[in-house]
Amino acid sequence: MAIIQGMCRNCGSLIMFDDRDDKCECVFCHCVFPSAEAVEILNAPEGRTFANEKFEPSNDGTKHNATRVFSAESLEKQIARDEIKRANNPDQKKNEYEVQASDVKAPKPLLIGLITGIVAAAAIILIIAYPMYTKRIALRSDIEASIETVFDGIADIDTSSDEQNVYFKGFSVFGQTCQYMNAITMDEISDEDAETIFDNYCTLRAEKLGLGGDIYAGVQLKIYCNGGYFTVTGNGGDVNAEFTADAEITED
């Protein structure tokens, strides 16, 4: 088995995949397409445009890269899809002993009170959630603007973005407090390099957040490189870089 590099036809990010797999998957936008096309785009990217469409991670258990990244957002999207599926399947057999909404007639004052309560609760949630959302977006933008300092002199990471500035081609920062980062490089990375990148990112994040104390707590980095990927975490001043090699395929 050998690891091959290609370029995503949807967002332009670097992709690494098994040469025996006829399909590849972008770890950033989850676009799945023929591996040969990814290699072709990498070898001749001039004049190409990228659609930057949004794709959901595959749910059938099939993997076309070293690993797949999951987040709380993907779980929320799955729940939403299940709700839409149920809504679009009205002929599904119901439990004859189950009380349905149509079987209950609530008094008008109760309905008004219920609707008022729902609207008030939604307003409160919006008041609380919106400032948190804007704060997270501002923090992420501040970190992304200085991200080159994290990799400077260690690894070559593509810090450019696509034409619509939706995706960065070589890294992604996410999480409520930007505690997660994924990056991909064609360079050889050692344990010490991975730990240094982690320390640089934690220092940058702490500076933007105004943090003191243990700046490593809760932070996790995944660094994809030739042959596998590093998962880097830290706690109490100690940094742990764990390397996961791509699984080797043996002939029976």
Foldseek 3Di string as FASTA:
>chain_A
DFWDWFADQAWGAIFIFDPVDQWAADQPQGDIDGPVVRNVCRVPVPPGAHNNDHDQHDPPPDHGGQDHDDDPVSVVVVVVVVVVVVVVCVVPDDDPPDDDPVNDDDDPVVVVVVVVVVVVVVVVCCVVVVVLVVVQVVLQVQCLVVVCQLCPPQFDFQSDGHPVNPDGRAKDFDDSLSQEMEGEGADDHDFVSVQSSLVRSLVSSCVSVVDDDWSQPSHWYWYHYTFFIWIWGDDRPDIDIDTDGRDDDDDD
